[in-house]
Amino acid sequence: MNKGELIAALATKTGMAKKNAEVALNGVLDVITEAMTKGDKVQLIGFGTFEAKTRPARTARNPRTGEAVKIAASKAPVFKAGKALKDAVNK
């Protein structure tokens, strides 16, 4: 399912117009993104948790040359599914 299909499904499920469903979805995604950018965790009980985890700097090897390469520290977005979502998917 892509974003357009998600908007259409949301509009059908809620009875909203597609334009309003798109505004609502974009708003939710923007709020989650802003919270994660600030380092906050977004926890939706029963669905899951969105957060940014820090990856430390490390040294890796270039597979072609075998040369050591330094990889800088970074943040990675992480989603951990909640119990209710896991149960629904595994039905």
PDB file of N, CA and C in Angstrom:
ATOM      1  N   MET A   1       0.856  -1.174   0.000  1.00  0.00           N
ATOM      2  CA  MET A   1       0.000   0.000   0.000  1.00  0.00           C
ATOM      3  C   MET A   1       0.899   1.233   0.000  1.00  0.00           C
ATOM      4  N   ASN A   2       0.657   2.133  -0.938  1.00  0.00           N
ATOM      5  CA  ASN A   2       1.422   3.374  -0.972  1.00  0.00           C
ATOM      6  C   ASN A   2       0.637   4.491  -0.279  1.00  0.00           C
ATOM      7  N   LYS A   3       1.196   5.688  -0.252  1.00  0.00           N
ATOM      8  CA  LYS A   3       0.567   6.783   0.484  1.00  0.00           C
ATOM      9  C   LYS A   3      -0.809   7.143  -0.088  1.00  0.00           C
ATOM     10  N   GLY A   4      -0.941   7.150  -1.401  1.00  0.00           N
ATOM     11  CA  GLY A   4      -2.229   7.463  -2.030  1.00  0.00           C
ATOM     12  C   GLY A   4      -3.301   6.451  -1.657  1.00  0.00           C
ATOM     13  N   GLU A   5      -2.930   5.178  -1.651  1.00  0.00           N
ATOM     14  CA  GLU A   5      -3.881   4.125  -1.274  1.00  0.00           C
ATOM     15  C   GLU A   5      -4.238   4.223   0.206  1.00  0.00           C
ATOM     16  N   LEU A   6      -3.261   4.601   1.032  1.00  0.00           N
ATOM     17  CA  LEU A   6      -3.518   4.779   2.458  1.00  0.00           C
ATOM     18  C   LEU A   6      -4.499   5.932   2.685  1.00  0.00           C
ATOM     19  N   ILE A   7      -4.325   7.016   1.967  1.00  0.00           N
ATOM     20  CA  ILE A   7      -5.233   8.166   2.083  1.00  0.00           C
ATOM     21  C   ILE A   7      -6.637   7.760   1.662  1.00  0.00           C
ATOM     22  N   ALA A   8      -6.760   7.026   0.557  1.00  0.00           N
ATOM     23  CA  ALA A   8      -8.073   6.572   0.088  1.00  0.00           C
ATOM     24  C   ALA A   8      -8.733   5.645   1.112  1.00  0.00           C
ATOM     25  N   ALA A   9      -7.968   4.733   1.696  1.00  0.00           N
ATOM     26  CA  ALA A   9      -8.511   3.819   2.702  1.00  0.00           C
ATOM     27  C   ALA A   9      -8.935   4.575   3.952  1.00  0.00           C
ATOM     28  N   LEU A  10      -8.139   5.559   4.362  1.00  0.00           N
ATOM     29  CA  LEU A  10      -8.476   6.387   5.523  1.00  0.00           C
ATOM     30  C   LEU A  10      -9.755   7.175   5.276  1.00  0.00           C
ATOM     31  N   ALA A  11      -9.890   7.718   4.078  1.00  0.00           N
ATOM     32  CA  ALA A  11     -11.096   8.473   3.723  1.00  0.00           C
ATOM     33  C   ALA A  11     -12.326   7.573   3.755  1.00  0.00           C
ATOM     34  N   THR A  12     -12.198   6.369   3.240  1.00  0.00           N
ATOM     35  CA  THR A  12     -13.314   5.422   3.232  1.00  0.00           C
ATOM     36  C   THR A  12     -13.679   4.991   4.650  1.00  0.00           C
ATOM     37  N   LYS A  13     -12.681   4.674   5.450  1.00  0.00           N
ATOM     38  CA  LYS A  13     -12.899   4.185   6.816  1.00  0.00           C
ATOM     39  C   LYS A  13     -13.549   5.235   7.711  1.00  0.00           C
ATOM     40  N   THR A  14     -13.139   6.520   7.540  1.00  0.00           N
ATOM     41  CA  THR A  14     -13.630   7.576   8.430  1.00  0.00           C
ATOM     42  C   THR A  14     -14.778   8.387   7.849  1.00  0.00           C
ATOM     43  N   GLY A  15     -15.035   8.254   6.553  1.00  0.00           N
ATOM     44  CA  GLY A  15     -16.072   9.043   5.922  1.00  0.00           C
ATOM     45  C   GLY A  15     -15.604  10.462   5.590  1.00  0.00           C
ATOM     46  N   MET A  16     -14.312  10.711   5.700  1.00  0.00           N
ATOM     47  CA  MET A  16     -13.741  12.024   5.373  1.00  0.00           C
ATOM     48  C   MET A  16     -13.597  12.161   3.858  1.00  0.00           C
ATOM     49  N   ALA A  17     -13.480  13.392   3.425  1.00  0.00           N
ATOM     50  CA  ALA A  17     -13.113  13.629   2.034  1.00  0.00           C
ATOM     51  C   ALA A  17     -11.637  13.272   1.887  1.00  0.00           C
ATOM     52  N   LYS A  18     -11.235  12.852   0.692  1.00  0.00           N
ATOM     53  CA  LYS A  18      -9.837  12.464   0.480  1.00  0.00           C
ATOM     54  C   LYS A  18      -8.886  13.607   0.815  1.00  0.00           C
ATOM     55  N   LYS A  19      -9.263  14.826   0.479  1.00  0.00           N
ATOM     56  CA  LYS A  19      -8.406  15.988   0.748  1.00  0.00           C
ATOM     57  C   LYS A  19      -8.195  16.143   2.255  1.00  0.00           C
ATOM     58  N   ASN A  20      -9.262  15.998   3.038  1.00  0.00           N
ATOM     59  CA  ASN A  20      -9.147  16.101   4.496  1.00  0.00           C
ATOM     60  C   ASN A  20      -8.341  14.943   5.080  1.00  0.00           C
ATOM     61  N   ALA A  21      -8.510  13.750   4.518  1.00  0.00           N
ATOM     62  CA  ALA A  21      -7.745  12.590   4.980  1.00  0.00           C
ATOM     63  C   ALA A  21      -6.257  12.801   4.699  1.00  0.00           C
ATOM     64  N   GLU A  22      -5.940  13.395   3.548  1.00  0.00           N
ATOM     65  CA  GLU A  22      -4.546  13.666   3.206  1.00  0.00           C
ATOM     66  C   GLU A  22      -3.944  14.691   4.169  1.00  0.00           C
ATOM     67  N   VAL A  23      -4.689  15.733   4.485  1.00  0.00           N
ATOM     68  CA  VAL A  23      -4.221  16.750   5.435  1.00  0.00           C
ATOM     69  C   VAL A  23      -3.989  16.122   6.811  1.00  0.00           C
ATOM     70  N   ALA A  24      -4.912  15.276   7.245  1.00  0.00           N
ATOM     71  CA  ALA A  24      -4.794  14.625   8.549  1.00  0.00           C
ATOM     72  C   ALA A  24      -3.571  13.701   8.586  1.00  0.00           C
ATOM     73  N   LEU A  25      -3.394  12.882   7.560  1.00  0.00           N
ATOM     74  CA  LEU A  25      -2.263  11.961   7.519  1.00  0.00           C
ATOM     75  C   LEU A  25      -0.938  12.720   7.491  1.00  0.00           C
ATOM     76  N   ASN A  26      -0.858  13.743   6.651  1.00  0.00           N
ATOM     77  CA  ASN A  26       0.368  14.541   6.580  1.00  0.00           C
ATOM     78  C   ASN A  26       0.657  15.222   7.916  1.00  0.00           C
ATOM     79  N   GLY A  27      -0.384  15.667   8.598  1.00  0.00           N
ATOM     80  CA  GLY A  27      -0.215  16.287   9.912  1.00  0.00           C
ATOM     81  C   GLY A  27       0.350  15.308  10.929  1.00  0.00           C
ATOM     82  N   VAL A  28      -0.181  14.109  10.956  1.00  0.00           N
ATOM     83  CA  VAL A  28       0.303  13.083  11.888  1.00  0.00           C
ATOM     84  C   VAL A  28       1.761  12.742  11.588  1.00  0.00           C
ATOM     85  N   LEU A  29       2.087  12.565  10.328  1.00  0.00           N
ATOM     86  CA  LEU A  29       3.465  12.235   9.953  1.00  0.00           C
ATOM     87  C   LEU A  29       4.427  13.368  10.297  1.00  0.00           C
ATOM     88  N   ASP A  30       3.991  14.610  10.096  1.00  0.00           N
ATOM     89  CA  ASP A  30       4.828  15.772  10.432  1.00  0.00           C
ATOM     90  C   ASP A  30       5.089  15.846  11.930  1.00  0.00           C
ATOM     91  N   VAL A  31       4.052  15.617  12.737  1.00  0.00           N
ATOM     92  CA  VAL A  31       4.202  15.671  14.193  1.00  0.00           C
ATOM     93  C   VAL A  31       5.154  14.572  14.678  1.00  0.00           C
ATOM     94  N   ILE A  32       5.015  13.369  14.147  1.00  0.00           N
ATOM     95  CA  ILE A  32       5.909  12.270  14.525  1.00  0.00           C
ATOM     96  C   ILE A  32       7.350  12.602  14.121  1.00  0.00           C
ATOM     97  N   THR A  33       7.536  13.121  12.918  1.00  0.00           N
ATOM     98  CA  THR A  33       8.872  13.478  12.437  1.00  0.00           C
ATOM     99  C   THR A  33       9.501  14.559  13.308  1.00  0.00           C
ATOM    100  N   GLU A  34       8.739  15.611  13.640  1.00  0.00           N
ATOM    101  CA  GLU A  34       9.251  16.695  14.476  1.00  0.00           C
ATOM    102  C   GLU A  34       9.639  16.195  15.865  1.00  0.00           C
ATOM    103  N   ALA A  35       8.817  15.328  16.435  1.00  0.00           N
ATOM    104  CA  ALA A  35       9.108  14.788  17.767  1.00  0.00           C
ATOM    105  C   ALA A  35      10.390  13.958  17.740  1.00  0.00           C
ATOM    106  N   MET A  36      10.543  13.117  16.731  1.00  0.00           N
ATOM    107  CA  MET A  36      11.741  12.290  16.632  1.00  0.00           C
ATOM    108  C   MET A  36      12.980  13.146  16.381  1.00  0.00           C
ATOM    109  N   THR A  37      12.840  14.221  15.617  1.00  0.00           N
ATOM    110  CA  THR A  37      13.953  15.132  15.351  1.00  0.00           C
ATOM    111  C   THR A  37      14.444  15.775  16.641  1.00  0.00           C
ATOM    112  N   LYS A  38      13.511  16.076  17.547  1.00  0.00           N
ATOM    113  CA  LYS A  38      13.861  16.676  18.838  1.00  0.00           C
ATOM    114  C   LYS A  38      14.435  15.647  19.813  1.00  0.00           C
ATOM    115  N   GLY A  39      14.341  14.373  19.477  1.00  0.00           N
ATOM    116  CA  GLY A  39      14.832  13.318  20.361  1.00  0.00           C
ATOM    117  C   GLY A  39      13.746  12.725  21.233  1.00  0.00           C
ATOM    118  N   ASP A  40      12.491  13.123  21.002  1.00  0.00           N
ATOM    119  CA  ASP A  40      11.368  12.583  21.775  1.00  0.00           C
ATOM    120  C   ASP A  40      10.921  11.240  21.196  1.00  0.00           C
ATOM    121  N   LYS A  41      10.246  10.479  22.029  1.00  0.00           N
ATOM    122  CA  LYS A  41       9.684   9.192  21.640  1.00  0.00           C
ATOM    123  C   LYS A  41       8.179   9.392  21.457  1.00  0.00           C
ATOM    124  N   VAL A  42       7.598   8.827  20.393  1.00  0.00           N
ATOM    125  CA  VAL A  42       6.154   8.885  20.160  1.00  0.00           C
ATOM    126  C   VAL A  42       5.614   7.487  20.405  1.00  0.00           C
ATOM    127  N   GLN A  43       4.801   7.360  21.460  1.00  0.00           N
ATOM    128  CA  GLN A  43       4.296   6.051  21.867  1.00  0.00           C
ATOM    129  C   GLN A  43       2.789   6.011  21.669  1.00  0.00           C
ATOM    130  N   LEU A  44       2.335   5.109  20.813  1.00  0.00           N
ATOM    131  CA  LEU A  44       0.909   4.899  20.562  1.00  0.00           C
ATOM    132  C   LEU A  44       0.562   3.536  21.148  1.00  0.00           C
ATOM    133  N   ILE A  45      -0.054   3.544  22.318  1.00  0.00           N
ATOM    134  CA  ILE A  45      -0.358   2.300  23.039  1.00  0.00           C
ATOM    135  C   ILE A  45      -1.164   1.369  22.139  1.00  0.00           C
ATOM    136  N   GLY A  46      -0.723   0.134  22.034  1.00  0.00           N
ATOM    137  CA  GLY A  46      -1.399  -0.870  21.222  1.00  0.00           C
ATOM    138  C   GLY A  46      -0.915  -0.900  19.790  1.00  0.00           C
ATOM    139  N   PHE A  47      -0.288   0.187  19.321  1.00  0.00           N
ATOM    140  CA  PHE A  47       0.201   0.224  17.944  1.00  0.00           C
ATOM    141  C   PHE A  47       1.717   0.079  17.902  1.00  0.00           C
ATOM    142  N   GLY A  48       2.413   0.983  18.575  1.00  0.00           N
ATOM    143  CA  GLY A  48       3.863   0.889  18.587  1.00  0.00           C
ATOM    144  C   GLY A  48       4.528   2.180  19.017  1.00  0.00           C
ATOM    145  N   THR A  49       5.854   2.185  18.959  1.00  0.00           N
ATOM    146  CA  THR A  49       6.649   3.317  19.404  1.00  0.00           C
ATOM    147  C   THR A  49       7.615   3.731  18.303  1.00  0.00           C
ATOM    148  N   PHE A  50       7.637   5.033  18.025  1.00  0.00           N
ATOM    149  CA  PHE A  50       8.580   5.613  17.079  1.00  0.00           C
ATOM    150  C   PHE A  50       9.635   6.359  17.881  1.00  0.00           C
ATOM    151  N   GLU A  51      10.914   6.141  17.571  1.00  0.00           N
ATOM    152  CA  GLU A  51      11.970   6.892  18.235  1.00  0.00           C
ATOM    153  C   GLU A  51      13.213   6.921  17.366  1.00  0.00           C
ATOM    154  N   ALA A  52      14.125   7.832  17.693  1.00  0.00           N
ATOM    155  CA  ALA A  52      15.396   7.928  16.987  1.00  0.00           C
ATOM    156  C   ALA A  52      16.482   7.364  17.895  1.00  0.00           C
ATOM    157  N   LYS A  53      17.191   6.377  17.410  1.00  0.00           N
ATOM    158  CA  LYS A  53      18.282   5.772  18.179  1.00  0.00           C
ATOM    159  C   LYS A  53      19.612   6.263  17.615  1.00  0.00           C
ATOM    160  N   THR A  54      20.563   6.469  18.505  1.00  0.00           N
ATOM    161  CA  THR A  54      21.883   6.925  18.101  1.00  0.00           C
ATOM    162  C   THR A  54      22.768   5.730  17.778  1.00  0.00           C
ATOM    163  N   ARG A  55      23.411   5.792  16.630  1.00  0.00           N
ATOM    164  CA  ARG A  55      24.378   4.768  16.232  1.00  0.00           C
ATOM    165  C   ARG A  55      25.768   5.356  16.462  1.00  0.00           C
ATOM    166  N   PRO A  56      26.602   4.687  17.201  1.00  0.00           N
ATOM    167  CA  PRO A  56      27.939   5.246  17.467  1.00  0.00           C
ATOM    168  C   PRO A  56      28.836   5.192  16.225  1.00  0.00           C
ATOM    169  N   ALA A  57      29.876   6.013  16.231  1.00  0.00           N
ATOM    170  CA  ALA A  57      30.860   5.968  15.151  1.00  0.00           C
ATOM    171  C   ALA A  57      31.572   4.622  15.200  1.00  0.00           C
ATOM    172  N   ARG A  58      32.000   4.144  14.044  1.00  0.00           N
ATOM    173  CA  ARG A  58      32.673   2.850  14.008  1.00  0.00           C
ATOM    174  C   ARG A  58      33.606   2.775  12.803  1.00  0.00           C
ATOM    175  N   THR A  59      34.402   1.754  12.788  1.00  0.00           N
ATOM    176  CA  THR A  59      35.296   1.505  11.666  1.00  0.00           C
ATOM    177  C   THR A  59      34.807   0.268  10.934  1.00  0.00           C
ATOM    178  N   ALA A  60      34.711   0.384   9.601  1.00  0.00           N
ATOM    179  CA  ALA A  60      34.273  -0.741   8.772  1.00  0.00           C
ATOM    180  C   ALA A  60      35.346  -1.006   7.720  1.00  0.00           C
ATOM    181  N   ARG A  61      35.129  -2.005   6.909  1.00  0.00           N
ATOM    182  CA  ARG A  61      36.089  -2.327   5.838  1.00  0.00           C
ATOM    183  C   ARG A  61      35.408  -2.213   4.486  1.00  0.00           C
ATOM    184  N   ASN A  62      36.120  -1.619   3.544  1.00  0.00           N
ATOM    185  CA  ASN A  62      35.650  -1.560   2.170  1.00  0.00           C
ATOM    186  C   ASN A  62      35.818  -2.970   1.586  1.00  0.00           C
ATOM    187  N   PRO A  63      34.731  -3.609   1.117  1.00  0.00           N
ATOM    188  CA  PRO A  63      34.836  -4.990   0.644  1.00  0.00           C
ATOM    189  C   PRO A  63      35.710  -5.152  -0.603  1.00  0.00           C
ATOM    190  N   ARG A  64      35.825  -4.109  -1.415  1.00  0.00           N
ATOM    191  CA  ARG A  64      36.643  -4.212  -2.632  1.00  0.00           C
ATOM    192  C   ARG A  64      38.135  -4.131  -2.327  1.00  0.00           C
ATOM    193  N   THR A  65      38.496  -3.170  -1.473  1.00  0.00           N
ATOM    194  CA  THR A  65      39.923  -2.928  -1.232  1.00  0.00           C
ATOM    195  C   THR A  65      40.415  -3.483   0.092  1.00  0.00           C
ATOM    196  N   GLY A  66      39.510  -3.756   1.006  1.00  0.00           N
ATOM    197  CA  GLY A  66      39.902  -4.217   2.330  1.00  0.00           C
ATOM    198  C   GLY A  66      40.381  -3.081   3.219  1.00  0.00           C
ATOM    199  N   GLU A  67      40.306  -1.878   2.695  1.00  0.00           N
ATOM    200  CA  GLU A  67      40.761  -0.691   3.417  1.00  0.00           C
ATOM    201  C   GLU A  67      39.780  -0.328   4.534  1.00  0.00           C
ATOM    202  N   ALA A  68      40.310   0.140   5.666  1.00  0.00           N
ATOM    203  CA  ALA A  68      39.468   0.567   6.786  1.00  0.00           C
ATOM    204  C   ALA A  68      38.797   1.899   6.433  1.00  0.00           C
ATOM    205  N   VAL A  69      37.503   1.992   6.764  1.00  0.00           N
ATOM    206  CA  VAL A  69      36.723   3.198   6.484  1.00  0.00           C
ATOM    207  C   VAL A  69      36.040   3.623   7.777  1.00  0.00           C
ATOM    208  N   LYS A  70      36.114   4.906   8.091  1.00  0.00           N
ATOM    209  CA  LYS A  70      35.444   5.411   9.290  1.00  0.00           C
ATOM    210  C   LYS A  70      34.013   5.794   8.939  1.00  0.00           C
ATOM    211  N   ILE A  71      33.080   5.339   9.755  1.00  0.00           N
ATOM    212  CA  ILE A  71      31.675   5.677   9.585  1.00  0.00           C
ATOM    213  C   ILE A  71      31.289   6.564  10.763  1.00  0.00           C
ATOM    214  N   ALA A  72      30.773   7.748  10.457  1.00  0.00           N
ATOM    215  CA  ALA A  72      30.429   8.722  11.489  1.00  0.00           C
ATOM    216  C   ALA A  72      29.210   8.273  12.295  1.00  0.00           C
ATOM    217  N   ALA A  73      29.079   8.806  13.502  1.00  0.00           N
ATOM    218  CA  ALA A  73      27.896   8.543  14.327  1.00  0.00           C
ATOM    219  C   ALA A  73      26.680   9.134  13.625  1.00  0.00           C
ATOM    220  N   SER A  74      25.530   8.512  13.816  1.00  0.00           N
ATOM    221  CA  SER A  74      24.299   8.997  13.183  1.00  0.00           C
ATOM    222  C   SER A  74      23.099   8.600  14.030  1.00  0.00           C
ATOM    223  N   LYS A  75      21.953   9.149  13.660  1.00  0.00           N
ATOM    224  CA  LYS A  75      20.696   8.765  14.297  1.00  0.00           C
ATOM    225  C   LYS A  75      19.865   8.016  13.269  1.00  0.00           C
ATOM    226  N   ALA A  76      19.167   6.983  13.721  1.00  0.00           N
ATOM    227  CA  ALA A  76      18.336   6.182  12.831  1.00  0.00           C
ATOM    228  C   ALA A  76      16.918   6.098  13.389  1.00  0.00           C
ATOM    229  N   PRO A  77      15.900   6.327  12.543  1.00  0.00           N
ATOM    230  CA  PRO A  77      14.529   6.166  13.011  1.00  0.00           C
ATOM    231  C   PRO A  77      14.217   4.685  13.230  1.00  0.00           C
ATOM    232  N   VAL A  78      13.532   4.402  14.349  1.00  0.00           N
ATOM    233  CA  VAL A  78      13.220   3.021  14.708  1.00  0.00           C
ATOM    234  C   VAL A  78      11.739   2.929  15.086  1.00  0.00           C
ATOM    235  N   PHE A  79      11.085   1.869  14.638  1.00  0.00           N
ATOM    236  CA  PHE A  79       9.699   1.605  15.029  1.00  0.00           C
ATOM    237  C   PHE A  79       9.655   0.256  15.711  1.00  0.00           C
ATOM    238  N   LYS A  80       9.065   0.221  16.892  1.00  0.00           N
ATOM    239  CA  LYS A  80       8.882  -1.046  17.603  1.00  0.00           C
ATOM    240  C   LYS A  80       7.379  -1.286  17.719  1.00  0.00           C
ATOM    241  N   ALA A  81       6.910  -2.376  17.146  1.00  0.00           N
ATOM    242  CA  ALA A  81       5.483  -2.692  17.137  1.00  0.00           C
ATOM    243  C   ALA A  81       4.993  -3.038  18.539  1.00  0.00           C
ATOM    244  N   GLY A  82       3.772  -2.607  18.848  1.00  0.00           N
ATOM    245  CA  GLY A  82       3.146  -2.915  20.123  1.00  0.00           C
ATOM    246  C   GLY A  82       2.509  -4.296  20.100  1.00  0.00           C
ATOM    247  N   LYS A  83       2.131  -4.773  21.271  1.00  0.00           N
ATOM    248  CA  LYS A  83       1.564  -6.122  21.399  1.00  0.00           C
ATOM    249  C   LYS A  83       0.291  -6.298  20.585  1.00  0.00           C
ATOM    250  N   ALA A  84      -0.609  -5.318  20.628  1.00  0.00           N
ATOM    251  CA  ALA A  84      -1.871  -5.445  19.899  1.00  0.00           C
ATOM    252  C   ALA A  84      -1.631  -5.545  18.397  1.00  0.00           C
ATOM    253  N   LEU A  85      -0.689  -4.769  17.880  1.00  0.00           N
ATOM    254  CA  LEU A  85      -0.376  -4.825  16.450  1.00  0.00           C
ATOM    255  C   LEU A  85       0.253  -6.168  16.088  1.00  0.00           C
ATOM    256  N   LYS A  86       1.163  -6.647  16.917  1.00  0.00           N
ATOM    257  CA  LYS A  86       1.783  -7.957  16.678  1.00  0.00           C
ATOM    258  C   LYS A  86       0.728  -9.060  16.669  1.00  0.00           C
ATOM    259  N   ASP A  87      -0.184  -9.013  17.632  1.00  0.00           N
ATOM    260  CA  ASP A  87      -1.235 -10.021  17.711  1.00  0.00           C
ATOM    261  C   ASP A  87      -2.144  -9.986  16.487  1.00  0.00           C
ATOM    262  N   ALA A  88      -2.491  -8.768  16.028  1.00  0.00           N
ATOM    263  CA  ALA A  88      -3.373  -8.618  14.863  1.00  0.00           C
ATOM    264  C   ALA A  88      -2.700  -9.160  13.597  1.00  0.00           C
ATOM    265  N   VAL A  89      -1.419  -8.911  13.448  1.00  0.00           N
ATOM    266  CA  VAL A  89      -0.698  -9.376  12.264  1.00  0.00           C
ATOM    267  C   VAL A  89      -0.538 -10.888  12.287  1.00  0.00           C
ATOM    268  N   ASN A  90      -0.379 -11.474  13.472  1.00  0.00           N
ATOM    269  CA  ASN A  90      -0.144 -12.909  13.583  1.00  0.00           C
ATOM    270  C   ASN A  90      -1.424 -13.742  13.662  1.00  0.00           C
ATOM    271  N   LYS A  91      -2.593 -13.132  13.528  1.00  0.00           N
ATOM    272  CA  LYS A  91      -3.851 -13.884  13.556  1.00  0.00           C
ATOM    273  C   LYS A  91      -3.952 -14.814  12.399  1.00  0.00           C
TER     274      LYS A  91
END
